[in-house]
Amino acid sequence: MALFFSWVQDITEDTNENTDTITGPGEKSELEHLGNMENKIIHDMPKVHKWVKDHAKLFNSAVIAPQFLTMEKEEAESALEQLNSLSIETDPDKKEEIIYPFTFICNDAQDMKTLLSEIVDKRNLRVFCMSQSS
C-alpha cells in the first residue's frame, strides 16, 4: 500500500507572521511558546478537523484525524519537539515518522484531493495529509 504525503508548506520555512493561539472552553492555550510554522500547522489543525467532521458526506470513506489532537501533554510536547527538529537533511523515513502524528489520513486518493482542494486551495489553511491508496 503506497503512502504519500502532501507537504502543503515546507516546515523548515522561516516566517515572521504573528503567532495565534487556540483556546478551548475555559482553557489557556499551550501554543504560545510554539514556533511560527509549528503554530500554523497546529493552529489550523482544529479548523481542518471541524471542517472534515462537518463535511463528512463529501468523502468516500472516513478521514482519520491526526493523533496529535488526542495526545497527552507530554506526548504532544515530544511530538512538537521532533517536528521542530526537522531539516532538509532529515532522512525521508524519519520525516514521515515525525510528521505522522500531525497528519490527516485519507483512505481514498480522491478524498485527499477533496480535502486539499477545500482546505488549502479555498481556505488557505495548512495541513499534512496522506492517502493510503493511489
C-alpha atoms as a PDB file:
ATOM      1  CA  MET A   1       0.000   0.000   0.000  1.00  0.00           C
ATOM      2  CA  ALA A   2       1.531   3.297  -1.073  1.00  0.00           C
ATOM      3  CA  LEU A   3       1.558   6.261   1.268  1.00  0.00           C
ATOM      4  CA  PHE A   4       2.083   9.756   0.033  1.00  0.00           C
ATOM      5  CA  PHE A   5       2.426  12.940   1.953  1.00  0.00           C
ATOM      6  CA  SER A   6       1.171  16.239   0.724  1.00  0.00           C
ATOM      7  CA  TRP A   7       3.538  18.870   2.000  1.00  0.00           C
ATOM      8  CA  VAL A   8       1.423  21.978   1.895  1.00  0.00           C
ATOM      9  CA  GLN A   9       4.270  24.161   3.003  1.00  0.00           C
ATOM     10  CA  ASP A  10       7.902  23.449   3.759  1.00  0.00           C
ATOM     11  CA  ILE A  11       8.088  23.006   7.512  1.00  0.00           C
ATOM     12  CA  THR A  12      11.567  24.444   7.584  1.00  0.00           C
ATOM     13  CA  GLU A  13      10.358  27.747   6.145  1.00  0.00           C
ATOM     14  CA  ASP A  14      11.091  30.740   8.316  1.00  0.00           C
ATOM     15  CA  THR A  15       8.266  33.255   8.621  1.00  0.00           C
ATOM     16  CA  ASN A  16       7.714  36.415  10.617  1.00  0.00           C
ATOM     17  CA  GLU A  17       3.938  36.285  10.967  1.00  0.00           C
ATOM     18  CA  ASN A  18       2.323  36.856  14.337  1.00  0.00           C
ATOM     19  CA  THR A  19       1.536  33.677  16.201  1.00  0.00           C
ATOM     20  CA  ASP A  20      -2.038  32.837  17.041  1.00  0.00           C
ATOM     21  CA  THR A  21      -3.309  30.773  19.901  1.00  0.00           C
ATOM     22  CA  ILE A  22      -6.069  28.227  20.251  1.00  0.00           C
ATOM     23  CA  THR A  23      -8.194  28.171  23.337  1.00  0.00           C
ATOM     24  CA  GLY A  24     -10.860  25.715  24.285  1.00  0.00           C
ATOM     25  CA  PRO A  25     -13.709  26.419  26.649  1.00  0.00           C
ATOM     26  CA  GLY A  26     -12.160  27.557  29.918  1.00  0.00           C
ATOM     27  CA  GLU A  27      -8.624  26.653  28.840  1.00  0.00           C
ATOM     28  CA  LYS A  28      -5.429  28.582  28.241  1.00  0.00           C
ATOM     29  CA  SER A  29      -3.587  27.761  25.059  1.00  0.00           C
ATOM     30  CA  GLU A  30      -0.469  25.598  25.196  1.00  0.00           C
ATOM     31  CA  LEU A  31       0.589  27.003  21.822  1.00  0.00           C
ATOM     32  CA  GLU A  32       2.004  30.343  22.911  1.00  0.00           C
ATOM     33  CA  HIS A  33       5.546  29.000  23.003  1.00  0.00           C
ATOM     34  CA  LEU A  34       5.492  27.307  19.597  1.00  0.00           C
ATOM     35  CA  GLY A  35       7.496  28.457  16.615  1.00  0.00           C
ATOM     36  CA  ASN A  36       5.742  30.020  13.661  1.00  0.00           C
ATOM     37  CA  MET A  37       5.493  27.032  11.312  1.00  0.00           C
ATOM     38  CA  GLU A  38       4.542  24.581  14.015  1.00  0.00           C
ATOM     39  CA  ASN A  39       2.000  27.098  15.220  1.00  0.00           C
ATOM     40  CA  LYS A  40       0.442  27.362  11.739  1.00  0.00           C
ATOM     41  CA  ILE A  41       0.051  23.603  11.395  1.00  0.00           C
ATOM     42  CA  ILE A  42      -1.239  23.254  14.954  1.00  0.00           C
ATOM     43  CA  HIS A  43      -3.427  26.353  14.751  1.00  0.00           C
ATOM     44  CA  ASP A  44      -5.087  25.178  11.544  1.00  0.00           C
ATOM     45  CA  MET A  45      -5.476  21.563  12.662  1.00  0.00           C
ATOM     46  CA  PRO A  46      -8.655  22.053  14.777  1.00  0.00           C
ATOM     47  CA  LYS A  47     -10.215  24.153  11.996  1.00  0.00           C
ATOM     48  CA  VAL A  48      -9.473  21.415   9.466  1.00  0.00           C
ATOM     49  CA  HIS A  49     -10.756  18.743  11.848  1.00  0.00           C
ATOM     50  CA  LYS A  50     -14.022  20.637  12.369  1.00  0.00           C
ATOM     51  CA  TRP A  51     -14.440  21.158   8.638  1.00  0.00           C
ATOM     52  CA  VAL A  52     -13.838  17.447   7.946  1.00  0.00           C
ATOM     53  CA  LYS A  53     -16.414  16.445  10.586  1.00  0.00           C
ATOM     54  CA  ASP A  54     -18.944  18.985   9.287  1.00  0.00           C
ATOM     55  CA  HIS A  55     -18.488  17.853   5.676  1.00  0.00           C
ATOM     56  CA  ALA A  56     -18.023  14.096   6.125  1.00  0.00           C
ATOM     57  CA  LYS A  57     -20.570  13.367   3.399  1.00  0.00           C
ATOM     58  CA  LEU A  58     -18.156  14.784   0.791  1.00  0.00           C
ATOM     59  CA  PHE A  59     -15.758  11.888   1.396  1.00  0.00           C
ATOM     60  CA  ASN A  60     -15.959   8.303   0.150  1.00  0.00           C
ATOM     61  CA  SER A  61     -14.678   6.989   3.482  1.00  0.00           C
ATOM     62  CA  ALA A  62     -13.706   8.309   6.885  1.00  0.00           C
ATOM     63  CA  VAL A  63     -10.854  10.800   7.119  1.00  0.00           C
ATOM     64  CA  ILE A  64      -8.790   9.973  10.192  1.00  0.00           C
ATOM     65  CA  ALA A  65      -7.858  12.916  12.391  1.00  0.00           C
ATOM     66  CA  PRO A  66      -4.254  13.456  13.481  1.00  0.00           C
ATOM     67  CA  GLN A  67      -3.153  11.605  16.598  1.00  0.00           C
ATOM     68  CA  PHE A  68      -1.851  14.911  17.964  1.00  0.00           C
ATOM     69  CA  LEU A  69      -5.419  16.017  18.723  1.00  0.00           C
ATOM     70  CA  THR A  70      -5.791  13.291  21.358  1.00  0.00           C
ATOM     71  CA  MET A  71      -2.273  13.142  22.792  1.00  0.00           C
ATOM     72  CA  GLU A  72      -1.475  13.771  26.426  1.00  0.00           C
ATOM     73  CA  LYS A  73       0.507  16.942  27.100  1.00  0.00           C
ATOM     74  CA  GLU A  74       3.930  15.282  27.482  1.00  0.00           C
ATOM     75  CA  GLU A  75       3.489  13.173  24.356  1.00  0.00           C
ATOM     76  CA  ALA A  76       2.316  16.233  22.396  1.00  0.00           C
ATOM     77  CA  GLU A  77       5.291  18.271  23.561  1.00  0.00           C
ATOM     78  CA  SER A  78       7.644  15.488  22.453  1.00  0.00           C
ATOM     79  CA  ALA A  79       5.969  15.306  19.040  1.00  0.00           C
ATOM     80  CA  LEU A  80       6.287  19.083  18.675  1.00  0.00           C
ATOM     81  CA  GLU A  81       9.976  18.971  19.595  1.00  0.00           C
ATOM     82  CA  GLN A  82      10.553  16.358  16.914  1.00  0.00           C
ATOM     83  CA  LEU A  83       8.601  18.397  14.368  1.00  0.00           C
ATOM     84  CA  ASN A  84      10.712  21.423  15.236  1.00  0.00           C
ATOM     85  CA  SER A  85      13.886  19.363  14.699  1.00  0.00           C
ATOM     86  CA  LEU A  86      13.153  18.584  11.047  1.00  0.00           C
ATOM     87  CA  SER A  87      15.541  19.874   8.436  1.00  0.00           C
ATOM     88  CA  ILE A  88      16.254  19.305   4.779  1.00  0.00           C
ATOM     89  CA  GLU A  89      18.872  16.741   5.804  1.00  0.00           C
ATOM     90  CA  THR A  90      16.409  14.636   7.808  1.00  0.00           C
ATOM     91  CA  ASP A  91      16.041  11.138   6.379  1.00  0.00           C
ATOM     92  CA  PRO A  92      12.743  10.819   4.425  1.00  0.00           C
ATOM     93  CA  ASP A  93      11.599   7.834   6.520  1.00  0.00           C
ATOM     94  CA  LYS A  94      12.301   9.795   9.696  1.00  0.00           C
ATOM     95  CA  LYS A  95      10.366  12.795   8.295  1.00  0.00           C
ATOM     96  CA  GLU A  96       7.363  10.554   7.665  1.00  0.00           C
ATOM     97  CA  GLU A  97       7.571   9.211  11.233  1.00  0.00           C
ATOM     98  CA  ILE A  98       7.831  12.716  12.735  1.00  0.00           C
ATOM     99  CA  ILE A  99       5.016  14.198  10.660  1.00  0.00           C
ATOM    100  CA  TYR A 100       2.636  11.261  11.102  1.00  0.00           C
ATOM    101  CA  PRO A 101       1.069  12.448  14.418  1.00  0.00           C
ATOM    102  CA  PHE A 102       0.097  15.732  12.701  1.00  0.00           C
ATOM    103  CA  THR A 103      -1.325  14.098   9.582  1.00  0.00           C
ATOM    104  CA  PHE A 104      -4.899  13.657   8.394  1.00  0.00           C
ATOM    105  CA  ILE A 105      -5.208  10.214   6.808  1.00  0.00           C
ATOM    106  CA  CYS A 106      -7.475   9.619   3.849  1.00  0.00           C
ATOM    107  CA  ASN A 107      -8.288   6.052   2.870  1.00  0.00           C
ATOM    108  CA  ASP A 108      -9.052   7.161  -0.659  1.00  0.00           C
ATOM    109  CA  ALA A 109      -6.896   9.237  -3.039  1.00  0.00           C
ATOM    110  CA  GLN A 110      -9.933  11.202  -4.222  1.00  0.00           C
ATOM    111  CA  ASP A 111     -10.740  12.080  -0.613  1.00  0.00           C
ATOM    112  CA  MET A 112      -7.247  13.516  -0.234  1.00  0.00           C
ATOM    113  CA  LYS A 113      -7.756  15.618  -3.363  1.00  0.00           C
ATOM    114  CA  THR A 114     -11.067  16.864  -1.986  1.00  0.00           C
ATOM    115  CA  LEU A 115      -9.519  17.674   1.381  1.00  0.00           C
ATOM    116  CA  LEU A 116      -6.607  19.573  -0.153  1.00  0.00           C
ATOM    117  CA  SER A 117      -8.812  21.443  -2.589  1.00  0.00           C
ATOM    118  CA  GLU A 118     -11.182  22.608   0.128  1.00  0.00           C
ATOM    119  CA  ILE A 119      -8.671  23.229   2.907  1.00  0.00           C
ATOM    120  CA  VAL A 120      -5.597  24.503   1.108  1.00  0.00           C
ATOM    121  CA  ASP A 121      -6.890  25.993  -2.112  1.00  0.00           C
ATOM    122  CA  LYS A 122     -10.151  27.512  -0.883  1.00  0.00           C
ATOM    123  CA  ARG A 123      -9.435  28.207   2.799  1.00  0.00           C
ATOM    124  CA  ASN A 124      -5.678  28.799   2.720  1.00  0.00           C
ATOM    125  CA  LEU A 125      -5.083  26.565   5.731  1.00  0.00           C
ATOM    126  CA  ARG A 126      -2.012  24.416   6.273  1.00  0.00           C
ATOM    127  CA  VAL A 127      -2.319  20.695   6.712  1.00  0.00           C
ATOM    128  CA  PHE A 128      -0.348  17.482   6.471  1.00  0.00           C
ATOM    129  CA  CYS A 129      -2.323  14.712   4.843  1.00  0.00           C
ATOM    130  CA  MET A 130      -1.690  11.384   3.228  1.00  0.00           C
ATOM    131  CA  SER A 131      -3.627   8.840   1.249  1.00  0.00           C
ATOM    132  CA  GLN A 132      -3.381   5.114   1.753  1.00  0.00           C
ATOM    133  CA  SER A 133      -4.397   4.412  -1.841  1.00  0.00           C
ATOM    134  CA  SER A 134      -3.089   5.519  -5.205  1.00  0.00           C
END
